[in-house]
Amino acid sequence: MPVKKKTAKKILYRNIFVSAVALILIAGLVLSAVLGFADFLVSGEEQTAPPVGEDYLSTLEDLAASLEETLAASPYDAELKMRLADLYLELAMAHGSLGAAESRDAYVQKGEALIQQAGAEFPEQHAIFILKLAILAAFYQDDAIRAERFFREALVLDGENAQAHLYYGIFLALRERGADARLHLEKVLALEPEGSELAVLARAYMEGNALNLPPSP
């Protein structure tokens, strides 16, 4: 049965957003990259990402192996655990793009296990770990109920977290809850200085209307 155009477009934007999330988690978005992503959203052109190359995949796997060795020597390093968890999610996305569902799911599970472990060991950073679990559930595991619970908990812990508002807003828009999504994206603009990476991305989603948001009241 052919996929409806509207559904296909939603899947496309969700896949693009997963790529953006992975970049944020691993290295952080530089402004030029964000502006390029914003241009894509505003143009509304349906493009496909190039397939992941073997060299790229090999580089990620080598880096993961190196971080695993470092973590074995420093098992209580929270920052290192988060870097490795983020890398596992990047590997999950890479394997998923190649159609390797089993490998993708294995890396998602490894990433989640590290996030859960770090959250238990470092409760003072609980809000950070909860947001990561929300992103994981929303954009890697397609678990809407769990994602909603984690996003709400993250915002209860820190209602001024612009990243949480951005990700939650996009999650809501993809679930066709446009009015609620716009409120969270507008909150990003209220919290972030004009021209910041998160503000540029939030504005691109709203003004380009890639997610079919309703107009402001």
N, C-alpha and C. Protein backbone atom coordinates (compact mmCIF):
# COMPACT_ATOMS: atom_id res chain seq x y z
N MET A 1 0.86 -1.20 0.00
CA MET A 1 0.00 0.00 0.00
C MET A 1 0.89 1.24 0.00
N PRO A 2 0.75 2.15 -0.97
CA PRO A 2 1.62 3.32 -1.04
C PRO A 2 1.45 4.24 0.16
N VAL A 3 2.56 4.88 0.56
CA VAL A 3 2.52 5.81 1.69
C VAL A 3 1.95 7.13 1.23
N LYS A 4 1.00 7.68 1.96
CA LYS A 4 0.41 8.96 1.62
C LYS A 4 1.47 10.04 1.65
N LYS A 5 1.31 11.05 0.79
CA LYS A 5 2.31 12.10 0.69
C LYS A 5 2.52 12.82 2.01
N LYS A 6 1.44 13.10 2.73
CA LYS A 6 1.55 13.81 4.01
C LYS A 6 2.33 12.97 5.01
N THR A 7 2.05 11.66 5.04
CA THR A 7 2.76 10.78 5.97
C THR A 7 4.23 10.69 5.59
N ALA A 8 4.52 10.58 4.30
CA ALA A 8 5.90 10.49 3.85
C ALA A 8 6.68 11.74 4.22
N LYS A 9 6.01 12.89 4.11
CA LYS A 9 6.69 14.14 4.44
C LYS A 9 6.99 14.22 5.93
N LYS A 10 6.06 13.76 6.76
CA LYS A 10 6.29 13.74 8.20
C LYS A 10 7.47 12.85 8.54
N ILE A 11 7.54 11.68 7.89
CA ILE A 11 8.66 10.76 8.14
C ILE A 11 9.97 11.41 7.72
N LEU A 12 9.96 12.09 6.58
CA LEU A 12 11.16 12.76 6.10
C LEU A 12 11.65 13.78 7.11
N TYR A 13 10.75 14.66 7.59
CA TYR A 13 11.17 15.68 8.53
C TYR A 13 11.63 15.08 9.85
N ARG A 14 10.98 13.98 10.27
CA ARG A 14 11.41 13.34 11.52
C ARG A 14 12.82 12.78 11.36
N ASN A 15 13.12 12.17 10.21
CA ASN A 15 14.45 11.62 9.99
C ASN A 15 15.50 12.72 9.95
N ILE A 16 15.14 13.86 9.32
CA ILE A 16 16.07 14.98 9.28
C ILE A 16 16.31 15.50 10.69
N PHE A 17 15.24 15.57 11.50
CA PHE A 17 15.41 16.06 12.86
C PHE A 17 16.30 15.14 13.68
N VAL A 18 16.17 13.82 13.48
CA VAL A 18 17.03 12.88 14.20
C VAL A 18 18.48 13.18 13.88
N SER A 19 18.78 13.48 12.62
CA SER A 19 20.15 13.83 12.25
C SER A 19 20.61 15.08 12.99
N ALA A 20 19.73 16.07 13.07
CA ALA A 20 20.08 17.31 13.78
C ALA A 20 20.31 17.04 15.25
N VAL A 21 19.47 16.21 15.85
CA VAL A 21 19.63 15.88 17.27
C VAL A 21 20.97 15.21 17.51
N ALA A 22 21.33 14.29 16.63
CA ALA A 22 22.60 13.58 16.80
C ALA A 22 23.76 14.56 16.78
N LEU A 23 23.70 15.55 15.88
CA LEU A 23 24.77 16.55 15.82
C LEU A 23 24.82 17.37 17.09
N ILE A 24 23.66 17.74 17.61
CA ILE A 24 23.61 18.52 18.85
C ILE A 24 24.20 17.72 19.99
N LEU A 25 23.81 16.45 20.10
CA LEU A 25 24.25 15.62 21.21
C LEU A 25 25.74 15.37 21.19
N ILE A 26 26.32 15.17 20.01
CA ILE A 26 27.72 14.77 19.95
C ILE A 26 28.66 15.96 19.94
N ALA A 27 28.41 16.95 19.10
CA ALA A 27 29.37 18.03 18.96
C ALA A 27 28.79 19.40 19.21
N GLY A 28 27.48 19.55 19.15
CA GLY A 28 26.85 20.86 19.27
C GLY A 28 26.75 21.50 17.89
N LEU A 29 25.64 22.17 17.64
CA LEU A 29 25.46 22.79 16.33
C LEU A 29 26.23 24.10 16.24
N VAL A 30 26.97 24.28 15.15
CA VAL A 30 27.56 25.59 14.86
C VAL A 30 26.53 26.37 14.07
N LEU A 31 26.64 27.69 14.12
CA LEU A 31 25.58 28.52 13.55
C LEU A 31 25.42 28.29 12.05
N SER A 32 26.52 28.12 11.35
CA SER A 32 26.39 27.93 9.90
C SER A 32 25.62 26.67 9.57
N ALA A 33 25.82 25.62 10.36
CA ALA A 33 25.09 24.37 10.12
C ALA A 33 23.61 24.56 10.38
N VAL A 34 23.31 25.31 11.43
CA VAL A 34 21.91 25.56 11.76
C VAL A 34 21.24 26.37 10.66
N LEU A 35 21.95 27.37 10.16
CA LEU A 35 21.37 28.20 9.10
C LEU A 35 21.13 27.37 7.85
N GLY A 36 22.03 26.46 7.55
CA GLY A 36 21.81 25.58 6.40
C GLY A 36 20.60 24.71 6.60
N PHE A 37 20.44 24.18 7.79
CA PHE A 37 19.28 23.34 8.11
C PHE A 37 18.00 24.17 8.03
N ALA A 38 18.08 25.42 8.52
CA ALA A 38 16.91 26.29 8.47
C ALA A 38 16.53 26.59 7.03
N ASP A 39 17.52 26.82 6.17
CA ASP A 39 17.22 27.07 4.76
C ASP A 39 16.48 25.90 4.14
N PHE A 40 16.88 24.69 4.50
CA PHE A 40 16.21 23.50 3.97
C PHE A 40 14.74 23.50 4.40
N LEU A 41 14.50 23.78 5.69
CA LEU A 41 13.13 23.74 6.20
C LEU A 41 12.26 24.79 5.53
N VAL A 42 12.81 25.98 5.37
CA VAL A 42 12.03 27.06 4.77
C VAL A 42 11.72 26.75 3.31
N SER A 43 12.69 26.16 2.60
CA SER A 43 12.46 25.86 1.19
C SER A 43 11.44 24.77 1.00
N GLY A 44 11.38 23.84 1.99
CA GLY A 44 10.41 22.76 1.91
C GLY A 44 10.75 21.71 0.87
N GLU A 45 11.98 21.74 0.33
CA GLU A 45 12.36 20.77 -0.69
C GLU A 45 12.59 19.41 -0.06
N GLU A 46 12.07 18.38 -0.71
CA GLU A 46 12.24 17.03 -0.20
C GLU A 46 13.52 16.46 -0.80
N GLN A 47 14.56 16.37 0.06
CA GLN A 47 15.83 15.83 -0.36
C GLN A 47 16.12 14.61 0.51
N THR A 48 17.02 13.76 0.04
CA THR A 48 17.40 12.61 0.84
C THR A 48 18.86 12.71 1.20
N ALA A 49 19.20 12.28 2.42
CA ALA A 49 20.58 12.32 2.86
C ALA A 49 21.37 11.24 2.15
N PRO A 50 22.68 11.50 1.87
CA PRO A 50 23.49 10.46 1.24
C PRO A 50 23.64 9.29 2.17
N PRO A 51 23.80 8.09 1.63
CA PRO A 51 23.95 6.92 2.50
C PRO A 51 25.22 7.00 3.32
N VAL A 52 25.20 6.38 4.49
CA VAL A 52 26.37 6.35 5.36
C VAL A 52 27.44 5.49 4.71
N GLY A 53 28.66 6.01 4.63
CA GLY A 53 29.76 5.25 4.04
C GLY A 53 30.41 4.34 5.06
N GLU A 54 31.12 3.32 4.55
CA GLU A 54 31.79 2.37 5.44
C GLU A 54 32.88 3.05 6.26
N ASP A 55 33.58 4.02 5.67
CA ASP A 55 34.64 4.71 6.40
C ASP A 55 34.06 5.47 7.58
N TYR A 56 32.93 6.13 7.36
CA TYR A 56 32.28 6.88 8.44
C TYR A 56 31.85 5.95 9.55
N LEU A 57 31.23 4.83 9.19
CA LEU A 57 30.78 3.86 10.17
C LEU A 57 31.95 3.28 10.94
N SER A 58 33.03 2.98 10.24
CA SER A 58 34.22 2.43 10.88
C SER A 58 34.83 3.43 11.86
N THR A 59 34.82 4.71 11.48
CA THR A 59 35.36 5.75 12.36
C THR A 59 34.55 5.84 13.65
N LEU A 60 33.22 5.81 13.52
CA LEU A 60 32.36 5.86 14.70
C LEU A 60 32.60 4.65 15.61
N GLU A 61 32.72 3.48 15.02
CA GLU A 61 32.92 2.27 15.82
C GLU A 61 34.27 2.28 16.51
N ASP A 62 35.31 2.78 15.82
CA ASP A 62 36.63 2.89 16.44
C ASP A 62 36.60 3.87 17.61
N LEU A 63 35.90 4.99 17.42
CA LEU A 63 35.80 5.98 18.49
C LEU A 63 35.04 5.40 19.68
N ALA A 64 33.97 4.66 19.41
CA ALA A 64 33.21 4.03 20.50
C ALA A 64 34.08 3.05 21.27
N ALA A 65 34.87 2.26 20.55
CA ALA A 65 35.76 1.29 21.21
C ALA A 65 36.78 2.00 22.09
N SER A 66 37.31 3.13 21.59
CA SER A 66 38.28 3.90 22.37
C SER A 66 37.65 4.47 23.64
N LEU A 67 36.43 5.01 23.50
CA LEU A 67 35.74 5.57 24.67
C LEU A 67 35.38 4.48 25.67
N GLU A 68 35.05 3.29 25.18
CA GLU A 68 34.74 2.18 26.07
C GLU A 68 35.95 1.81 26.92
N GLU A 69 37.14 1.82 26.30
CA GLU A 69 38.37 1.53 27.04
C GLU A 69 38.64 2.61 28.08
N THR A 70 38.44 3.86 27.69
CA THR A 70 38.67 4.96 28.62
C THR A 70 37.69 4.90 29.78
N LEU A 71 36.44 4.57 29.48
CA LEU A 71 35.42 4.48 30.53
C LEU A 71 35.71 3.32 31.48
N ALA A 72 36.26 2.24 30.97
CA ALA A 72 36.61 1.11 31.83
C ALA A 72 37.66 1.52 32.86
N ALA A 73 38.52 2.47 32.48
CA ALA A 73 39.54 2.96 33.41
C ALA A 73 39.00 4.04 34.33
N SER A 74 37.91 4.71 33.92
CA SER A 74 37.30 5.77 34.74
C SER A 74 35.79 5.54 34.78
N PRO A 75 35.34 4.51 35.50
CA PRO A 75 33.94 4.09 35.43
C PRO A 75 32.93 5.06 36.04
N TYR A 76 33.39 6.08 36.76
CA TYR A 76 32.46 7.01 37.39
C TYR A 76 32.53 8.41 36.77
N ASP A 77 32.91 8.46 35.52
CA ASP A 77 33.00 9.73 34.79
C ASP A 77 31.67 9.96 34.06
N ALA A 78 30.83 10.83 34.61
CA ALA A 78 29.50 11.06 34.04
C ALA A 78 29.57 11.65 32.64
N GLU A 79 30.47 12.62 32.45
CA GLU A 79 30.58 13.25 31.13
C GLU A 79 31.00 12.23 30.07
N LEU A 80 31.93 11.36 30.43
CA LEU A 80 32.38 10.34 29.49
C LEU A 80 31.25 9.38 29.14
N LYS A 81 30.45 9.03 30.13
CA LYS A 81 29.31 8.13 29.87
C LYS A 81 28.32 8.78 28.91
N MET A 82 28.10 10.08 29.06
CA MET A 82 27.17 10.75 28.17
C MET A 82 27.73 10.84 26.75
N ARG A 83 29.04 11.08 26.63
CA ARG A 83 29.66 11.13 25.31
C ARG A 83 29.53 9.78 24.62
N LEU A 84 29.75 8.71 25.37
CA LEU A 84 29.65 7.38 24.78
C LEU A 84 28.20 7.04 24.44
N ALA A 85 27.27 7.43 25.31
CA ALA A 85 25.85 7.19 25.02
C ALA A 85 25.43 7.92 23.75
N ASP A 86 25.86 9.17 23.61
CA ASP A 86 25.54 9.94 22.41
C ASP A 86 26.13 9.28 21.16
N LEU A 87 27.33 8.74 21.30
CA LEU A 87 27.97 8.07 20.18
C LEU A 87 27.22 6.80 19.80
N TYR A 88 26.72 6.08 20.80
CA TYR A 88 25.90 4.90 20.52
C TYR A 88 24.66 5.28 19.71
N LEU A 89 24.06 6.43 20.04
CA LEU A 89 22.87 6.87 19.32
C LEU A 89 23.22 7.27 17.88
N GLU A 90 24.39 7.87 17.70
CA GLU A 90 24.84 8.19 16.35
C GLU A 90 25.06 6.90 15.55
N LEU A 91 25.63 5.90 16.20
CA LEU A 91 25.83 4.61 15.54
C LEU A 91 24.49 3.95 15.22
N ALA A 92 23.53 4.10 16.13
CA ALA A 92 22.19 3.55 15.88
C ALA A 92 21.59 4.18 14.63
N MET A 93 21.72 5.50 14.51
CA MET A 93 21.18 6.19 13.34
C MET A 93 21.89 5.73 12.07
N ALA A 94 23.23 5.57 12.15
CA ALA A 94 24.00 5.16 10.99
C ALA A 94 23.60 3.76 10.53
N HIS A 95 23.50 2.84 11.47
CA HIS A 95 23.10 1.47 11.11
C HIS A 95 21.66 1.45 10.59
N GLY A 96 20.80 2.28 11.18
CA GLY A 96 19.43 2.33 10.72
C GLY A 96 19.33 2.81 9.29
N SER A 97 20.19 3.77 8.90
CA SER A 97 20.17 4.29 7.53
C SER A 97 20.58 3.23 6.52
N LEU A 98 21.30 2.21 7.00
CA LEU A 98 21.72 1.11 6.13
C LEU A 98 20.75 -0.06 6.16
N GLY A 99 19.66 0.11 6.92
CA GLY A 99 18.67 -0.95 7.01
C GLY A 99 19.03 -2.07 7.97
N ALA A 100 20.06 -1.84 8.80
CA ALA A 100 20.50 -2.85 9.76
C ALA A 100 19.73 -2.66 11.07
N ALA A 101 18.49 -3.12 11.09
CA ALA A 101 17.60 -2.87 12.23
C ALA A 101 18.12 -3.49 13.52
N GLU A 102 18.68 -4.69 13.43
CA GLU A 102 19.15 -5.37 14.64
C GLU A 102 20.30 -4.60 15.28
N SER A 103 21.26 -4.15 14.47
CA SER A 103 22.38 -3.37 14.99
C SER A 103 21.90 -2.03 15.53
N ARG A 104 20.97 -1.42 14.81
CA ARG A 104 20.41 -0.14 15.27
C ARG A 104 19.81 -0.29 16.65
N ASP A 105 18.96 -1.30 16.83
CA ASP A 105 18.29 -1.50 18.12
C ASP A 105 19.29 -1.81 19.23
N ALA A 106 20.35 -2.54 18.89
CA ALA A 106 21.36 -2.88 19.89
C ALA A 106 22.06 -1.63 20.40
N TYR A 107 22.38 -0.70 19.49
CA TYR A 107 23.05 0.53 19.91
C TYR A 107 22.09 1.45 20.68
N VAL A 108 20.84 1.47 20.30
CA VAL A 108 19.85 2.24 21.06
C VAL A 108 19.78 1.72 22.49
N GLN A 109 19.75 0.42 22.65
CA GLN A 109 19.69 -0.18 23.99
C GLN A 109 20.94 0.13 24.80
N LYS A 110 22.10 0.09 24.15
CA LYS A 110 23.35 0.41 24.85
C LYS A 110 23.37 1.88 25.28
N GLY A 111 22.88 2.75 24.41
CA GLY A 111 22.82 4.17 24.76
C GLY A 111 21.89 4.42 25.92
N GLU A 112 20.72 3.79 25.88
CA GLU A 112 19.75 3.98 26.97
C GLU A 112 20.30 3.44 28.28
N ALA A 113 20.97 2.30 28.25
CA ALA A 113 21.52 1.72 29.47
C ALA A 113 22.54 2.65 30.12
N LEU A 114 23.38 3.28 29.31
CA LEU A 114 24.37 4.21 29.85
C LEU A 114 23.71 5.45 30.45
N ILE A 115 22.70 5.97 29.77
CA ILE A 115 21.99 7.15 30.28
C ILE A 115 21.33 6.82 31.61
N GLN A 116 20.68 5.67 31.68
CA GLN A 116 20.02 5.24 32.92
C GLN A 116 21.05 5.07 34.04
N GLN A 117 22.17 4.47 33.72
CA GLN A 117 23.21 4.24 34.72
C GLN A 117 23.77 5.56 35.24
N ALA A 118 24.08 6.47 34.32
CA ALA A 118 24.62 7.76 34.73
C ALA A 118 23.60 8.54 35.55
N GLY A 119 22.33 8.44 35.18
CA GLY A 119 21.29 9.13 35.93
C GLY A 119 21.18 8.65 37.36
N ALA A 120 21.37 7.34 37.57
CA ALA A 120 21.32 6.78 38.92
C ALA A 120 22.54 7.18 39.74
N GLU A 121 23.68 7.30 39.07
CA GLU A 121 24.93 7.60 39.78
C GLU A 121 25.10 9.09 40.07
N PHE A 122 24.47 9.93 39.26
CA PHE A 122 24.66 11.38 39.41
C PHE A 122 23.30 12.07 39.45
N PRO A 123 22.55 11.90 40.56
CA PRO A 123 21.19 12.46 40.64
C PRO A 123 21.15 13.98 40.54
N GLU A 124 22.25 14.65 40.82
CA GLU A 124 22.26 16.11 40.73
C GLU A 124 22.11 16.58 39.28
N GLN A 125 22.36 15.69 38.32
CA GLN A 125 22.20 16.02 36.91
C GLN A 125 20.97 15.34 36.31
N HIS A 126 20.00 15.08 37.16
CA HIS A 126 18.83 14.30 36.76
C HIS A 126 18.09 14.92 35.57
N ALA A 127 17.96 16.24 35.55
CA ALA A 127 17.22 16.90 34.48
C ALA A 127 17.85 16.64 33.11
N ILE A 128 19.18 16.62 33.06
CA ILE A 128 19.88 16.37 31.80
C ILE A 128 19.58 14.97 31.30
N PHE A 129 19.65 14.00 32.21
CA PHE A 129 19.44 12.61 31.81
C PHE A 129 17.99 12.37 31.37
N ILE A 130 17.05 13.02 32.06
CA ILE A 130 15.64 12.85 31.70
C ILE A 130 15.38 13.39 30.29
N LEU A 131 15.98 14.53 29.95
CA LEU A 131 15.80 15.08 28.61
C LEU A 131 16.39 14.14 27.56
N LYS A 132 17.54 13.55 27.85
CA LYS A 132 18.13 12.60 26.91
C LYS A 132 17.22 11.39 26.71
N LEU A 133 16.61 10.92 27.78
CA LEU A 133 15.69 9.79 27.67
C LEU A 133 14.45 10.18 26.85
N ALA A 134 14.01 11.43 27.00
CA ALA A 134 12.86 11.90 26.21
C ALA A 134 13.19 11.90 24.73
N ILE A 135 14.37 12.43 24.39
CA ILE A 135 14.80 12.46 22.99
C ILE A 135 14.94 11.05 22.44
N LEU A 136 15.52 10.18 23.26
CA LEU A 136 15.69 8.78 22.86
C LEU A 136 14.34 8.13 22.55
N ALA A 137 13.39 8.30 23.45
CA ALA A 137 12.07 7.68 23.27
C ALA A 137 11.33 8.28 22.07
N ALA A 138 11.47 9.59 21.88
CA ALA A 138 10.71 10.27 20.83
C ALA A 138 11.25 10.00 19.43
N PHE A 139 12.57 10.06 19.28
CA PHE A 139 13.14 10.08 17.94
C PHE A 139 13.95 8.84 17.57
N TYR A 140 14.16 7.95 18.52
CA TYR A 140 14.89 6.71 18.22
C TYR A 140 14.02 5.48 18.46
N GLN A 141 13.15 5.53 19.46
CA GLN A 141 12.34 4.37 19.81
C GLN A 141 10.88 4.50 19.40
N ASP A 142 10.49 5.69 18.96
CA ASP A 142 9.11 5.96 18.53
C ASP A 142 8.10 5.53 19.60
N ASP A 143 8.44 5.87 20.85
CA ASP A 143 7.57 5.55 22.00
C ASP A 143 6.96 6.86 22.49
N ALA A 144 5.82 7.22 21.94
CA ALA A 144 5.22 8.53 22.21
C ALA A 144 4.81 8.70 23.67
N ILE A 145 4.27 7.67 24.27
CA ILE A 145 3.80 7.76 25.66
C ILE A 145 4.98 8.01 26.60
N ARG A 146 6.03 7.23 26.42
CA ARG A 146 7.22 7.39 27.27
C ARG A 146 7.89 8.73 27.02
N ALA A 147 7.98 9.14 25.76
CA ALA A 147 8.60 10.42 25.43
C ALA A 147 7.84 11.57 26.08
N GLU A 148 6.52 11.54 25.99
CA GLU A 148 5.70 12.60 26.59
C GLU A 148 5.96 12.69 28.08
N ARG A 149 6.03 11.56 28.75
CA ARG A 149 6.26 11.56 30.20
C ARG A 149 7.62 12.17 30.53
N PHE A 150 8.64 11.80 29.78
CA PHE A 150 9.98 12.31 30.05
C PHE A 150 10.09 13.80 29.72
N PHE A 151 9.49 14.23 28.61
CA PHE A 151 9.53 15.66 28.27
C PHE A 151 8.86 16.49 29.37
N ARG A 152 7.72 16.04 29.83
CA ARG A 152 7.02 16.79 30.88
C ARG A 152 7.84 16.82 32.17
N GLU A 153 8.45 15.69 32.50
CA GLU A 153 9.27 15.65 33.72
C GLU A 153 10.47 16.58 33.58
N ALA A 154 11.08 16.59 32.40
CA ALA A 154 12.23 17.47 32.18
C ALA A 154 11.85 18.93 32.37
N LEU A 155 10.67 19.31 31.91
CA LEU A 155 10.24 20.70 32.03
C LEU A 155 9.76 21.05 33.43
N VAL A 156 9.29 20.06 34.19
CA VAL A 156 8.98 20.29 35.60
C VAL A 156 10.27 20.57 36.36
N LEU A 157 11.32 19.82 36.04
CA LEU A 157 12.61 19.99 36.70
C LEU A 157 13.27 21.31 36.31
N ASP A 158 13.08 21.72 35.07
CA ASP A 158 13.69 22.96 34.58
C ASP A 158 12.81 23.55 33.48
N GLY A 159 11.89 24.39 33.87
CA GLY A 159 10.95 24.98 32.92
C GLY A 159 11.57 26.00 32.00
N GLU A 160 12.82 26.40 32.26
CA GLU A 160 13.50 27.38 31.43
C GLU A 160 14.51 26.73 30.49
N ASN A 161 14.43 25.44 30.32
CA ASN A 161 15.37 24.71 29.47
C ASN A 161 14.92 24.84 28.01
N ALA A 162 15.63 25.67 27.26
CA ALA A 162 15.23 25.94 25.88
C ALA A 162 15.33 24.69 25.00
N GLN A 163 16.34 23.86 25.24
CA GLN A 163 16.45 22.63 24.44
C GLN A 163 15.24 21.73 24.66
N ALA A 164 14.81 21.61 25.91
CA ALA A 164 13.65 20.77 26.20
C ALA A 164 12.41 21.30 25.48
N HIS A 165 12.23 22.62 25.49
CA HIS A 165 11.08 23.20 24.80
C HIS A 165 11.17 22.97 23.29
N LEU A 166 12.38 23.09 22.72
CA LEU A 166 12.54 22.88 21.29
C LEU A 166 12.19 21.45 20.89
N TYR A 167 12.79 20.49 21.56
CA TYR A 167 12.56 19.09 21.21
C TYR A 167 11.11 18.68 21.46
N TYR A 168 10.55 19.16 22.56
CA TYR A 168 9.16 18.82 22.87
C TYR A 168 8.23 19.44 21.84
N GLY A 169 8.53 20.68 21.43
CA GLY A 169 7.71 21.33 20.42
C GLY A 169 7.70 20.58 19.11
N ILE A 170 8.86 20.13 18.67
CA ILE A 170 8.93 19.39 17.41
C ILE A 170 8.24 18.04 17.55
N PHE A 171 8.43 17.40 18.70
CA PHE A 171 7.75 16.13 18.97
C PHE A 171 6.23 16.30 18.88
N LEU A 172 5.71 17.37 19.49
CA LEU A 172 4.27 17.61 19.47
C LEU A 172 3.78 17.90 18.06
N ALA A 173 4.56 18.67 17.30
CA ALA A 173 4.16 18.98 15.93
C ALA A 173 4.08 17.72 15.07
N LEU A 174 5.04 16.82 15.26
CA LEU A 174 5.02 15.57 14.50
C LEU A 174 3.84 14.69 14.89
N ARG A 175 3.29 14.94 16.08
CA ARG A 175 2.08 14.22 16.52
C ARG A 175 0.81 14.99 16.17
N GLU A 176 0.96 16.02 15.33
CA GLU A 176 -0.16 16.85 14.87
C GLU A 176 -0.86 17.57 16.01
N ARG A 177 -0.06 18.03 16.97
CA ARG A 177 -0.57 18.86 18.07
C ARG A 177 0.05 20.24 17.91
N GLY A 178 -0.31 20.87 16.80
CA GLY A 178 0.36 22.08 16.38
C GLY A 178 0.26 23.26 17.32
N ALA A 179 -0.90 23.47 17.94
CA ALA A 179 -1.07 24.61 18.84
C ALA A 179 -0.14 24.50 20.03
N ASP A 180 -0.05 23.32 20.62
CA ASP A 180 0.86 23.11 21.75
C ASP A 180 2.31 23.23 21.30
N ALA A 181 2.60 22.72 20.11
CA ALA A 181 3.96 22.78 19.59
C ALA A 181 4.42 24.23 19.44
N ARG A 182 3.54 25.08 18.90
CA ARG A 182 3.91 26.48 18.70
C ARG A 182 4.22 27.16 20.03
N LEU A 183 3.48 26.85 21.07
CA LEU A 183 3.75 27.45 22.38
C LEU A 183 5.17 27.15 22.85
N HIS A 184 5.61 25.91 22.65
CA HIS A 184 6.95 25.54 23.10
C HIS A 184 8.03 26.15 22.22
N LEU A 185 7.79 26.23 20.92
CA LEU A 185 8.77 26.85 20.04
C LEU A 185 8.87 28.35 20.31
N GLU A 186 7.74 28.98 20.61
CA GLU A 186 7.77 30.40 20.98
C GLU A 186 8.50 30.61 22.30
N LYS A 187 8.40 29.64 23.21
CA LYS A 187 9.12 29.72 24.48
C LYS A 187 10.63 29.70 24.24
N VAL A 188 11.07 28.94 23.25
CA VAL A 188 12.49 28.92 22.90
C VAL A 188 12.95 30.32 22.53
N LEU A 189 12.16 31.01 21.71
CA LEU A 189 12.51 32.36 21.29
C LEU A 189 12.51 33.33 22.47
N ALA A 190 11.65 33.09 23.45
CA ALA A 190 11.61 33.95 24.63
C ALA A 190 12.83 33.73 25.53
N LEU A 191 13.33 32.51 25.54
CA LEU A 191 14.44 32.16 26.44
C LEU A 191 15.81 32.42 25.82
N GLU A 192 15.91 32.26 24.51
CA GLU A 192 17.20 32.32 23.83
C GLU A 192 17.44 33.69 23.20
N PRO A 193 18.70 34.15 23.19
CA PRO A 193 19.00 35.40 22.50
C PRO A 193 18.80 35.25 21.00
N GLU A 194 18.40 36.32 20.35
CA GLU A 194 18.19 36.30 18.90
C GLU A 194 19.49 35.90 18.20
N GLY A 195 19.38 34.97 17.28
CA GLY A 195 20.56 34.52 16.54
C GLY A 195 21.26 33.32 17.13
N SER A 196 20.85 32.87 18.32
CA SER A 196 21.46 31.67 18.88
C SER A 196 21.03 30.46 18.07
N GLU A 197 21.79 29.36 18.23
CA GLU A 197 21.50 28.16 17.44
C GLU A 197 20.06 27.68 17.64
N LEU A 198 19.64 27.59 18.91
CA LEU A 198 18.31 27.08 19.20
C LEU A 198 17.22 28.03 18.70
N ALA A 199 17.47 29.34 18.84
CA ALA A 199 16.48 30.31 18.37
C ALA A 199 16.33 30.25 16.86
N VAL A 200 17.44 30.13 16.15
CA VAL A 200 17.39 30.05 14.69
C VAL A 200 16.62 28.81 14.25
N LEU A 201 16.86 27.69 14.92
CA LEU A 201 16.18 26.45 14.55
C LEU A 201 14.68 26.53 14.86
N ALA A 202 14.34 27.09 16.03
CA ALA A 202 12.92 27.22 16.40
C ALA A 202 12.20 28.14 15.42
N ARG A 203 12.84 29.25 15.06
CA ARG A 203 12.20 30.19 14.14
C ARG A 203 12.04 29.57 12.75
N ALA A 204 13.02 28.77 12.34
CA ALA A 204 12.93 28.12 11.03
C ALA A 204 11.73 27.18 10.98
N TYR A 205 11.50 26.45 12.05
CA TYR A 205 10.35 25.55 12.08
C TYR A 205 9.04 26.33 12.01
N MET A 206 8.99 27.47 12.70
CA MET A 206 7.75 28.24 12.73
C MET A 206 7.51 29.01 11.44
N GLU A 207 8.53 29.71 10.96
CA GLU A 207 8.34 30.57 9.79
C GLU A 207 8.31 29.75 8.51
N GLY A 208 9.12 28.69 8.44
CA GLY A 208 9.09 27.82 7.28
C GLY A 208 7.87 26.93 7.28
N ASN A 209 7.30 26.75 8.48
CA ASN A 209 6.09 25.96 8.67
C ASN A 209 6.22 24.56 8.07
N ALA A 210 7.41 23.96 8.22
CA ALA A 210 7.63 22.62 7.71
C ALA A 210 6.76 21.59 8.42
N LEU A 211 6.32 21.92 9.64
CA LEU A 211 5.54 20.97 10.42
C LEU A 211 4.06 21.33 10.45
N ASN A 212 3.64 22.23 9.54
CA ASN A 212 2.22 22.58 9.43
C ASN A 212 1.64 23.11 10.74
N LEU A 213 2.37 24.04 11.37
CA LEU A 213 1.88 24.63 12.61
C LEU A 213 0.74 25.60 12.31
N PRO A 214 -0.21 25.73 13.23
CA PRO A 214 -1.28 26.71 13.04
C PRO A 214 -0.74 28.11 13.23
N PRO A 215 -1.41 29.13 12.68
CA PRO A 215 -0.95 30.51 12.88
C PRO A 215 -1.06 30.92 14.34
N SER A 216 -0.26 31.93 14.71
CA SER A 216 -0.34 32.45 16.08
C SER A 216 -1.72 33.05 16.31
N PRO A 217 -2.26 32.90 17.54
CA PRO A 217 -3.60 33.46 17.83
C PRO A 217 -3.57 34.98 17.78
